[in-house]
Amino acid sequence: MIRNLWSPTDVADYLGVPVQTVYGWRKVGSGPPGRRVGKHVRYKPDQVEAWFDGLCEGII
């Protein structure tokens, strides 16, 4: 099944954080992997979930 790509807002909603936090993580390279599609950043949901699963508890 093909899943839709997520925007930074979708990622923020999924993780329960402000969208500016997602942009901040991207800026310093510590967040889930995203790719530029034209002028937009998009995320694969399974990669966001894998990134989240790989975090040490209590540390982001």
PDB file of N, CA and C in Angstrom:
ATOM      1  N   MET A   1       0.836  -1.180   0.000  1.00  0.00           N
ATOM      2  CA  MET A   1       0.000   0.000   0.000  1.00  0.00           C
ATOM      3  C   MET A   1       0.882   1.245   0.000  1.00  0.00           C
ATOM      4  N   ILE A   2       0.563   2.205  -0.828  1.00  0.00           N
ATOM      5  CA  ILE A   2       1.291   3.459  -0.878  1.00  0.00           C
ATOM      6  C   ILE A   2       0.666   4.422   0.127  1.00  0.00           C
ATOM      7  N   ARG A   3       1.522   5.000   0.966  1.00  0.00           N
ATOM      8  CA  ARG A   3       1.050   5.975   1.945  1.00  0.00           C
ATOM      9  C   ARG A   3       1.450   7.363   1.482  1.00  0.00           C
ATOM     10  N   ASN A   4       0.641   8.328   1.808  1.00  0.00           N
ATOM     11  CA  ASN A   4       0.962   9.706   1.456  1.00  0.00           C
ATOM     12  C   ASN A   4       2.189  10.177   2.220  1.00  0.00           C
ATOM     13  N   LEU A   5       2.930  11.080   1.614  1.00  0.00           N
ATOM     14  CA  LEU A   5       4.050  11.708   2.297  1.00  0.00           C
ATOM     15  C   LEU A   5       3.513  12.712   3.306  1.00  0.00           C
ATOM     16  N   TRP A   6       4.282  12.952   4.350  1.00  0.00           N
ATOM     17  CA  TRP A   6       3.881  13.892   5.398  1.00  0.00           C
ATOM     18  C   TRP A   6       4.587  15.221   5.227  1.00  0.00           C
ATOM     19  N   SER A   7       3.900  16.271   5.548  1.00  0.00           N
ATOM     20  CA  SER A   7       4.485  17.614   5.611  1.00  0.00           C
ATOM     21  C   SER A   7       5.095  17.789   7.009  1.00  0.00           C
ATOM     22  N   PRO A   8       5.875  18.852   7.222  1.00  0.00           N
ATOM     23  CA  PRO A   8       6.371  19.119   8.575  1.00  0.00           C
ATOM     24  C   PRO A   8       5.234  19.262   9.593  1.00  0.00           C
ATOM     25  N   THR A   9       4.109  19.805   9.167  1.00  0.00           N
ATOM     26  CA  THR A   9       2.961  19.925  10.070  1.00  0.00           C
ATOM     27  C   THR A   9       2.418  18.556  10.456  1.00  0.00           C
ATOM     28  N   ASP A  10       2.368  17.638   9.502  1.00  0.00           N
ATOM     29  CA  ASP A  10       1.916  16.275   9.794  1.00  0.00           C
ATOM     30  C   ASP A  10       2.855  15.593  10.789  1.00  0.00           C
ATOM     31  N   VAL A  11       4.160  15.781  10.595  1.00  0.00           N
ATOM     32  CA  VAL A  11       5.147  15.197  11.506  1.00  0.00           C
ATOM     33  C   VAL A  11       4.971  15.782  12.908  1.00  0.00           C
ATOM     34  N   ALA A  12       4.808  17.094  12.978  1.00  0.00           N
ATOM     35  CA  ALA A  12       4.616  17.750  14.274  1.00  0.00           C
ATOM     36  C   ALA A  12       3.358  17.230  14.965  1.00  0.00           C
ATOM     37  N   ASP A  13       2.274  17.075  14.218  1.00  0.00           N
ATOM     38  CA  ASP A  13       1.031  16.549  14.788  1.00  0.00           C
ATOM     39  C   ASP A  13       1.223  15.123  15.298  1.00  0.00           C
ATOM     40  N   TYR A  14       1.891  14.297  14.519  1.00  0.00           N
ATOM     41  CA  TYR A  14       2.127  12.900  14.901  1.00  0.00           C
ATOM     42  C   TYR A  14       2.944  12.814  16.191  1.00  0.00           C
ATOM     43  N   LEU A  15       3.977  13.659  16.288  1.00  0.00           N
ATOM     44  CA  LEU A  15       4.868  13.613  17.445  1.00  0.00           C
ATOM     45  C   LEU A  15       4.378  14.466  18.611  1.00  0.00           C
ATOM     46  N   GLY A  16       3.396  15.311  18.371  1.00  0.00           N
ATOM     47  CA  GLY A  16       2.870  16.160  19.434  1.00  0.00           C
ATOM     48  C   GLY A  16       3.807  17.279  19.840  1.00  0.00           C
ATOM     49  N   VAL A  17       4.505  17.838  18.845  1.00  0.00           N
ATOM     50  CA  VAL A  17       5.434  18.943  19.092  1.00  0.00           C
ATOM     51  C   VAL A  17       5.072  20.105  18.163  1.00  0.00           C
ATOM     52  N   PRO A  18       5.526  21.319  18.484  1.00  0.00           N
ATOM     53  CA  PRO A  18       5.295  22.441  17.562  1.00  0.00           C
ATOM     54  C   PRO A  18       6.019  22.232  16.227  1.00  0.00           C
ATOM     55  N   VAL A  19       5.442  22.738  15.163  1.00  0.00           N
ATOM     56  CA  VAL A  19       6.053  22.583  13.843  1.00  0.00           C
ATOM     57  C   VAL A  19       7.433  23.237  13.795  1.00  0.00           C
ATOM     58  N   GLN A  20       7.636  24.306  14.554  1.00  0.00           N
ATOM     59  CA  GLN A  20       8.965  24.945  14.589  1.00  0.00           C
ATOM     60  C   GLN A  20      10.030  24.009  15.160  1.00  0.00           C
ATOM     61  N   THR A  21       9.627  23.095  16.026  1.00  0.00           N
ATOM     62  CA  THR A  21      10.562  22.100  16.549  1.00  0.00           C
ATOM     63  C   THR A  21      11.034  21.176  15.434  1.00  0.00           C
ATOM     64  N   VAL A  22      10.123  20.770  14.570  1.00  0.00           N
ATOM     65  CA  VAL A  22      10.476  19.908  13.434  1.00  0.00           C
ATOM     66  C   VAL A  22      11.458  20.633  12.519  1.00  0.00           C
ATOM     67  N   TYR A  23      11.190  21.916  12.235  1.00  0.00           N
ATOM     68  CA  TYR A  23      12.117  22.694  11.406  1.00  0.00           C
ATOM     69  C   TYR A  23      13.469  22.852  12.097  1.00  0.00           C
ATOM     70  N   GLY A  24      13.465  23.044  13.399  1.00  0.00           N
ATOM     71  CA  GLY A  24      14.716  23.164  14.149  1.00  0.00           C
ATOM     72  C   GLY A  24      15.533  21.883  14.095  1.00  0.00           C
ATOM     73  N   TRP A  25      14.873  20.740  14.259  1.00  0.00           N
ATOM     74  CA  TRP A  25      15.574  19.458  14.157  1.00  0.00           C
ATOM     75  C   TRP A  25      16.196  19.299  12.780  1.00  0.00           C
ATOM     76  N   ARG A  26      15.441  19.689  11.746  1.00  0.00           N
ATOM     77  CA  ARG A  26      15.963  19.557  10.378  1.00  0.00           C
ATOM     78  C   ARG A  26      17.195  20.433  10.190  1.00  0.00           C
ATOM     79  N   LYS A  27      17.138  21.632  10.746  1.00  0.00           N
ATOM     80  CA  LYS A  27      18.247  22.579  10.595  1.00  0.00           C
ATOM     81  C   LYS A  27      19.545  22.038  11.191  1.00  0.00           C
ATOM     82  N   VAL A  28      19.447  21.362  12.333  1.00  0.00           N
ATOM     83  CA  VAL A  28      20.658  20.842  12.987  1.00  0.00           C
ATOM     84  C   VAL A  28      20.922  19.376  12.656  1.00  0.00           C
ATOM     85  N   GLY A  29      20.026  18.756  11.885  1.00  0.00           N
ATOM     86  CA  GLY A  29      20.235  17.384  11.437  1.00  0.00           C
ATOM     87  C   GLY A  29      19.927  16.316  12.470  1.00  0.00           C
ATOM     88  N   SER A  30      19.066  16.628  13.442  1.00  0.00           N
ATOM     89  CA  SER A  30      18.798  15.639  14.484  1.00  0.00           C
ATOM     90  C   SER A  30      17.408  15.011  14.393  1.00  0.00           C
ATOM     91  N   GLY A  31      16.585  15.456  13.457  1.00  0.00           N
ATOM     92  CA  GLY A  31      15.219  14.961  13.364  1.00  0.00           C
ATOM     93  C   GLY A  31      15.078  13.820  12.378  1.00  0.00           C
ATOM     94  N   PRO A  32      13.849  13.448  12.106  1.00  0.00           N
ATOM     95  CA  PRO A  32      13.600  12.388  11.132  1.00  0.00           C
ATOM     96  C   PRO A  32      14.051  12.831   9.735  1.00  0.00           C
ATOM     97  N   PRO A  33      14.436  11.869   8.901  1.00  0.00           N
ATOM     98  CA  PRO A  33      14.909  12.237   7.558  1.00  0.00           C
ATOM     99  C   PRO A  33      13.772  12.761   6.687  1.00  0.00           C
ATOM    100  N   GLY A  34      14.009  13.897   6.077  1.00  0.00           N
ATOM    101  CA  GLY A  34      13.046  14.496   5.163  1.00  0.00           C
ATOM    102  C   GLY A  34      13.728  14.804   3.843  1.00  0.00           C
ATOM    103  N   ARG A  35      12.932  14.969   2.825  1.00  0.00           N
ATOM    104  CA  ARG A  35      13.471  15.286   1.493  1.00  0.00           C
ATOM    105  C   ARG A  35      12.740  16.478   0.920  1.00  0.00           C
ATOM    106  N   ARG A  36      13.489  17.264   0.171  1.00  0.00           N
ATOM    107  CA  ARG A  36      12.880  18.402  -0.509  1.00  0.00           C
ATOM    108  C   ARG A  36      12.197  17.905  -1.780  1.00  0.00           C
ATOM    109  N   VAL A  37      10.987  18.382  -1.985  1.00  0.00           N
ATOM    110  CA  VAL A  37      10.233  18.137  -3.212  1.00  0.00           C
ATOM    111  C   VAL A  37       9.882  19.528  -3.716  1.00  0.00           C
ATOM    112  N   GLY A  38      10.686  20.016  -4.653  1.00  0.00           N
ATOM    113  CA  GLY A  38      10.551  21.407  -5.059  1.00  0.00           C
ATOM    114  C   GLY A  38      10.943  22.289  -3.882  1.00  0.00           C
ATOM    115  N   LYS A  39      10.049  23.175  -3.485  1.00  0.00           N
ATOM    116  CA  LYS A  39      10.362  24.047  -2.357  1.00  0.00           C
ATOM    117  C   LYS A  39       9.798  23.510  -1.041  1.00  0.00           C
ATOM    118  N   HIS A  40       9.236  22.316  -1.067  1.00  0.00           N
ATOM    119  CA  HIS A  40       8.605  21.734   0.115  1.00  0.00           C
ATOM    120  C   HIS A  40       9.449  20.604   0.688  1.00  0.00           C
ATOM    121  N   VAL A  41       9.323  20.380   1.994  1.00  0.00           N
ATOM    122  CA  VAL A  41       9.963  19.244   2.656  1.00  0.00           C
ATOM    123  C   VAL A  41       8.880  18.209   2.914  1.00  0.00           C
ATOM    124  N   ARG A  42       9.188  16.962   2.591  1.00  0.00           N
ATOM    125  CA  ARG A  42       8.238  15.873   2.814  1.00  0.00           C
ATOM    126  C   ARG A  42       8.947  14.715   3.517  1.00  0.00           C
ATOM    127  N   TYR A  43       8.163  13.986   4.291  1.00  0.00           N
ATOM    128  CA  TYR A  43       8.671  12.881   5.095  1.00  0.00           C
ATOM    129  C   TYR A  43       7.901  11.611   4.774  1.00  0.00           C
ATOM    130  N   LYS A  44       8.600  10.461   4.767  1.00  0.00           N
ATOM    131  CA  LYS A  44       7.939   9.176   4.641  1.00  0.00           C
ATOM    132  C   LYS A  44       7.494   8.764   6.039  1.00  0.00           C
ATOM    133  N   PRO A  45       6.209   8.464   6.218  1.00  0.00           N
ATOM    134  CA  PRO A  45       5.718   8.116   7.557  1.00  0.00           C
ATOM    135  C   PRO A  45       6.493   6.982   8.222  1.00  0.00           C
ATOM    136  N   ASP A  46       6.864   5.947   7.459  1.00  0.00           N
ATOM    137  CA  ASP A  46       7.588   4.835   8.070  1.00  0.00           C
ATOM    138  C   ASP A  46       8.971   5.255   8.557  1.00  0.00           C
ATOM    139  N   GLN A  47       9.608   6.229   7.890  1.00  0.00           N
ATOM    140  CA  GLN A  47      10.909   6.713   8.344  1.00  0.00           C
ATOM    141  C   GLN A  47      10.772   7.569   9.595  1.00  0.00           C
ATOM    142  N   VAL A  48       9.690   8.335   9.692  1.00  0.00           N
ATOM    143  CA  VAL A  48       9.442   9.126  10.904  1.00  0.00           C
ATOM    144  C   VAL A  48       9.215   8.180  12.076  1.00  0.00           C
ATOM    145  N   GLU A  49       8.413   7.135  11.867  1.00  0.00           N
ATOM    146  CA  GLU A  49       8.145   6.164  12.923  1.00  0.00           C
ATOM    147  C   GLU A  49       9.412   5.423  13.331  1.00  0.00           C
ATOM    148  N   ALA A  50      10.254   5.056  12.359  1.00  0.00           N
ATOM    149  CA  ALA A  50      11.516   4.377  12.666  1.00  0.00           C
ATOM    150  C   ALA A  50      12.450   5.302  13.444  1.00  0.00           C
ATOM    151  N   TRP A  51      12.502   6.576  13.065  1.00  0.00           N
ATOM    152  CA  TRP A  51      13.323   7.542  13.786  1.00  0.00           C
ATOM    153  C   TRP A  51      12.843   7.648  15.226  1.00  0.00           C
ATOM    154  N   PHE A  52      11.532   7.749  15.411  1.00  0.00           N
ATOM    155  CA  PHE A  52      10.964   7.847  16.752  1.00  0.00           C
ATOM    156  C   PHE A  52      11.267   6.597  17.571  1.00  0.00           C
ATOM    157  N   ASP A  53      11.103   5.430  16.968  1.00  0.00           N
ATOM    158  CA  ASP A  53      11.387   4.167  17.669  1.00  0.00           C
ATOM    159  C   ASP A  53      12.842   4.050  18.065  1.00  0.00           C
ATOM    160  N   GLY A  54      13.730   4.694  17.316  1.00  0.00           N
ATOM    161  CA  GLY A  54      15.158   4.616  17.585  1.00  0.00           C
ATOM    162  C   GLY A  54      15.654   5.589  18.650  1.00  0.00           C
ATOM    163  N   LEU A  55      14.791   6.479  19.102  1.00  0.00           N
ATOM    164  CA  LEU A  55      15.205   7.437  20.128  1.00  0.00           C
ATOM    165  C   LEU A  55      15.387   6.752  21.470  1.00  0.00           C
ATOM    166  N   CYS A  56      16.358   7.218  22.220  1.00  0.00           N
ATOM    167  CA  CYS A  56      16.500   6.757  23.598  1.00  0.00           C
ATOM    168  C   CYS A  56      15.373   7.386  24.399  1.00  0.00           C
ATOM    169  N   GLU A  57      14.820   6.656  25.321  1.00  0.00           N
ATOM    170  CA  GLU A  57      13.694   7.157  26.096  1.00  0.00           C
ATOM    171  C   GLU A  57      14.078   8.440  26.840  1.00  0.00           C
ATOM    172  N   GLY A  58      13.259   9.472  26.658  1.00  0.00           N
ATOM    173  CA  GLY A  58      13.468  10.736  27.365  1.00  0.00           C
ATOM    174  C   GLY A  58      14.467  11.669  26.709  1.00  0.00           C
ATOM    175  N   ILE A  59      15.043  11.259  25.574  1.00  0.00           N
ATOM    176  CA  ILE A  59      16.044  12.099  24.905  1.00  0.00           C
ATOM    177  C   ILE A  59      15.594  12.330  23.466  1.00  0.00           C
ATOM    178  N   ILE A  60      15.549  13.602  23.078  1.00  0.00           N
ATOM    179  CA  ILE A  60      15.244  13.920  21.672  1.00  0.00           C
ATOM    180  C   ILE A  60      16.370  14.766  21.140  1.00  0.00           C
TER     181      ILE A  60
END
